[in-house]
Amino acid sequence: MNEVDAALVLACGRHPITHVVSQGLDRAGVPEGARVLVAASGGADSSALLAACAGLRGRGRVDPVAGHVDHGLRAEGALDAECAASCAARLGIAFARRTLSLAPGTGVGGGGGGPPAPAPGPDRASCHQRQNHSPRGRGGGGGGVGG
């Protein structure tokens, strides 16, 4: 990790959302230093959560691993995975990727996991564009650690 990225992780640890994530981990009973899988879509919300977890890693609170699943139903799936991998790499977080081959409309299909994806991927402009202008409005659910 270069000096700029190290400063980014340090700043992430100071952001107020990091405290909220830590409280959510406490409520969920996640022990100090536990390895946690952070779902990483490649969008803004999961990137922010990865950044908060990178800040918490610096305090020994968690050992995050970013995980991405490309279900194979959208043409943009590969770009999403590359954006998630790029974000994880910049934050110094391990990254695991799985690609599925689901039959459209059925919710089932063949395919399976692949090897972890290599980390740097697309240029930052395309990821930034993807994170801020997704037609589906990424993330959203109210169920995760944050509440």
Protein backbone atom coordinates (compact mmCIF):
# COMPACT_ATOMS: atom_id res chain seq x y z
CA MET A 1 0.00 0.00 0.00
CA ASN A 2 1.42 3.36 -0.96
CA GLU A 3 1.59 6.41 1.27
CA VAL A 4 -1.57 8.01 -0.17
CA ASP A 5 -3.60 4.82 0.29
CA ALA A 6 -2.27 4.42 3.84
CA ALA A 7 -3.44 7.97 4.60
CA LEU A 8 -6.84 7.07 3.09
CA VAL A 9 -7.20 4.07 5.41
CA LEU A 10 -6.17 6.21 8.40
CA ALA A 11 -8.83 8.79 7.48
CA CYS A 12 -11.42 6.02 7.08
CA GLY A 13 -10.76 4.97 10.64
CA ARG A 14 -11.61 8.48 11.83
CA HIS A 15 -14.85 8.84 9.87
CA PRO A 16 -18.06 8.84 11.97
CA ILE A 17 -19.57 5.98 9.95
CA THR A 18 -16.73 3.76 11.15
CA HIS A 19 -17.97 4.16 14.71
CA VAL A 20 -21.48 3.19 13.60
CA VAL A 21 -20.14 0.08 11.85
CA SER A 22 -18.19 -0.84 14.99
CA GLN A 23 -21.36 -0.50 17.07
CA GLY A 24 -23.18 -2.78 14.62
CA LEU A 25 -20.42 -5.37 14.93
CA ASP A 26 -20.73 -5.16 18.72
CA ARG A 27 -24.52 -5.63 18.57
CA ALA A 28 -24.03 -8.63 16.28
CA GLY A 29 -21.57 -10.18 18.75
CA VAL A 30 -18.59 -10.11 16.39
CA PRO A 31 -15.46 -10.58 18.53
CA GLU A 32 -12.43 -8.28 18.36
CA GLY A 33 -10.07 -9.20 15.54
CA ALA A 34 -12.56 -11.52 13.83
CA ARG A 35 -12.25 -12.17 10.13
CA VAL A 36 -15.37 -10.79 8.45
CA LEU A 37 -16.63 -11.14 4.91
CA VAL A 38 -17.81 -7.83 3.48
CA ALA A 39 -20.13 -8.15 0.49
CA ALA A 40 -18.65 -5.92 -2.21
CA SER A 41 -20.86 -5.05 -5.16
CA GLY A 42 -18.47 -2.48 -6.61
CA GLY A 43 -20.92 0.33 -5.82
CA ALA A 44 -20.63 3.29 -3.52
CA ASP A 45 -22.33 1.75 -0.48
CA SER A 46 -20.21 -1.39 -0.32
CA SER A 47 -17.08 0.64 -1.09
CA ALA A 48 -17.86 2.88 1.90
CA LEU A 49 -18.39 -0.18 4.09
CA LEU A 50 -15.06 -1.62 2.91
CA ALA A 51 -13.36 1.68 3.76
CA ALA A 52 -14.90 1.69 7.24
CA CYS A 53 -13.77 -1.91 7.79
CA ALA A 54 -10.26 -0.99 6.60
CA GLY A 55 -10.25 1.75 9.25
CA LEU A 56 -11.44 -0.73 11.88
CA ARG A 57 -8.73 -3.18 10.82
CA GLY A 58 -6.18 -0.53 11.76
CA ARG A 59 -7.56 -0.66 15.32
CA GLY A 60 -7.60 -4.46 15.43
CA ARG A 61 -11.39 -4.53 15.50
CA VAL A 62 -11.86 -6.78 12.41
CA ASP A 63 -9.89 -8.51 9.67
CA PRO A 64 -12.01 -7.80 6.59
CA VAL A 65 -12.14 -9.81 3.36
CA ALA A 66 -14.12 -8.40 0.44
CA GLY A 67 -16.33 -10.90 -1.37
CA HIS A 68 -18.04 -10.41 -4.73
CA VAL A 69 -20.47 -12.71 -6.53
CA ASP A 70 -21.19 -12.11 -10.21
CA HIS A 71 -24.45 -13.97 -10.83
CA GLY A 72 -23.99 -13.68 -14.59
CA LEU A 73 -27.37 -12.05 -15.21
CA ARG A 74 -26.14 -8.55 -16.10
CA ALA A 75 -23.70 -7.50 -18.76
CA GLU A 76 -22.10 -5.08 -16.27
CA GLY A 77 -21.22 -7.90 -13.85
CA ALA A 78 -17.57 -8.04 -14.88
CA LEU A 79 -17.14 -4.27 -14.41
CA ASP A 80 -18.80 -4.49 -10.99
CA ALA A 81 -16.32 -7.19 -9.98
CA GLU A 82 -13.36 -5.18 -11.26
CA CYS A 83 -14.51 -2.10 -9.33
CA ALA A 84 -14.92 -4.12 -6.14
CA ALA A 85 -11.48 -5.68 -6.60
CA SER A 86 -9.87 -2.30 -7.28
CA CYS A 87 -11.42 -0.77 -4.16
CA ALA A 88 -10.32 -3.70 -1.99
CA ALA A 89 -6.79 -3.56 -3.38
CA ARG A 90 -6.48 0.15 -2.71
CA LEU A 91 -7.58 -0.40 0.89
CA GLY A 92 -5.25 -3.37 1.36
CA ILE A 93 -8.16 -5.79 1.84
CA ALA A 94 -8.06 -9.37 0.54
CA PHE A 95 -10.59 -10.04 -2.25
CA ALA A 96 -12.49 -13.16 -3.27
CA ARG A 97 -14.66 -13.40 -6.38
CA ARG A 98 -17.12 -16.03 -7.50
CA THR A 99 -18.87 -16.16 -10.85
CA LEU A 100 -22.11 -18.03 -11.34
CA SER A 101 -23.97 -18.94 -14.51
CA LEU A 102 -27.61 -18.55 -13.59
CA ALA A 103 -30.36 -19.16 -16.10
CA PRO A 104 -32.31 -15.87 -16.52
CA GLY A 105 -35.67 -15.90 -14.81
CA THR A 106 -35.19 -19.14 -12.88
CA GLY A 107 -32.92 -18.19 -10.02
CA VAL A 108 -31.03 -21.45 -10.56
CA GLY A 109 -28.43 -22.74 -12.93
CA GLY A 110 -25.07 -24.30 -13.39
CA GLY A 111 -21.72 -22.77 -12.80
CA GLY A 112 -19.74 -22.40 -9.68
CA GLY A 113 -17.00 -20.56 -7.98
CA GLY A 114 -13.89 -19.50 -9.71
CA PRO A 115 -10.52 -18.58 -8.31
CA PRO A 116 -10.11 -15.26 -6.55
CA ALA A 117 -9.90 -12.41 -9.02
CA PRO A 118 -6.67 -10.52 -9.49
CA ALA A 119 -6.80 -7.15 -7.85
CA PRO A 120 -6.22 -4.02 -9.77
CA GLY A 121 -8.77 -3.69 -12.46
CA PRO A 122 -10.45 -0.84 -14.25
CA ASP A 123 -9.52 2.78 -14.29
CA ARG A 124 -10.87 4.77 -11.39
CA ALA A 125 -13.06 6.97 -13.60
CA SER A 126 -15.18 4.04 -14.76
CA CYS A 127 -15.56 2.79 -11.17
CA HIS A 128 -16.45 6.25 -9.96
CA GLN A 129 -19.00 6.55 -12.75
CA ARG A 130 -20.40 3.13 -11.85
CA GLN A 131 -20.63 3.92 -8.15
CA ASN A 132 -22.36 7.26 -8.56
CA HIS A 133 -24.66 6.64 -11.50
CA SER A 134 -25.88 3.09 -11.26
CA PRO A 135 -29.31 2.76 -12.88
CA ARG A 136 -30.40 0.30 -10.21
CA GLY A 137 -29.37 2.41 -7.21
CA ARG A 138 -27.01 -0.08 -5.54
CA GLY A 139 -27.18 -1.38 -2.05
CA GLY A 140 -30.03 -0.23 0.01
CA GLY A 141 -31.40 -3.04 2.15
CA GLY A 142 -31.86 -2.33 5.80
CA GLY A 143 -30.69 -5.74 7.07
CA GLY A 144 -26.88 -5.76 7.55
CA VAL A 145 -24.64 -4.99 10.44
CA GLY A 146 -25.40 -1.27 10.30
CA GLY A 147 -29.09 -1.81 10.82
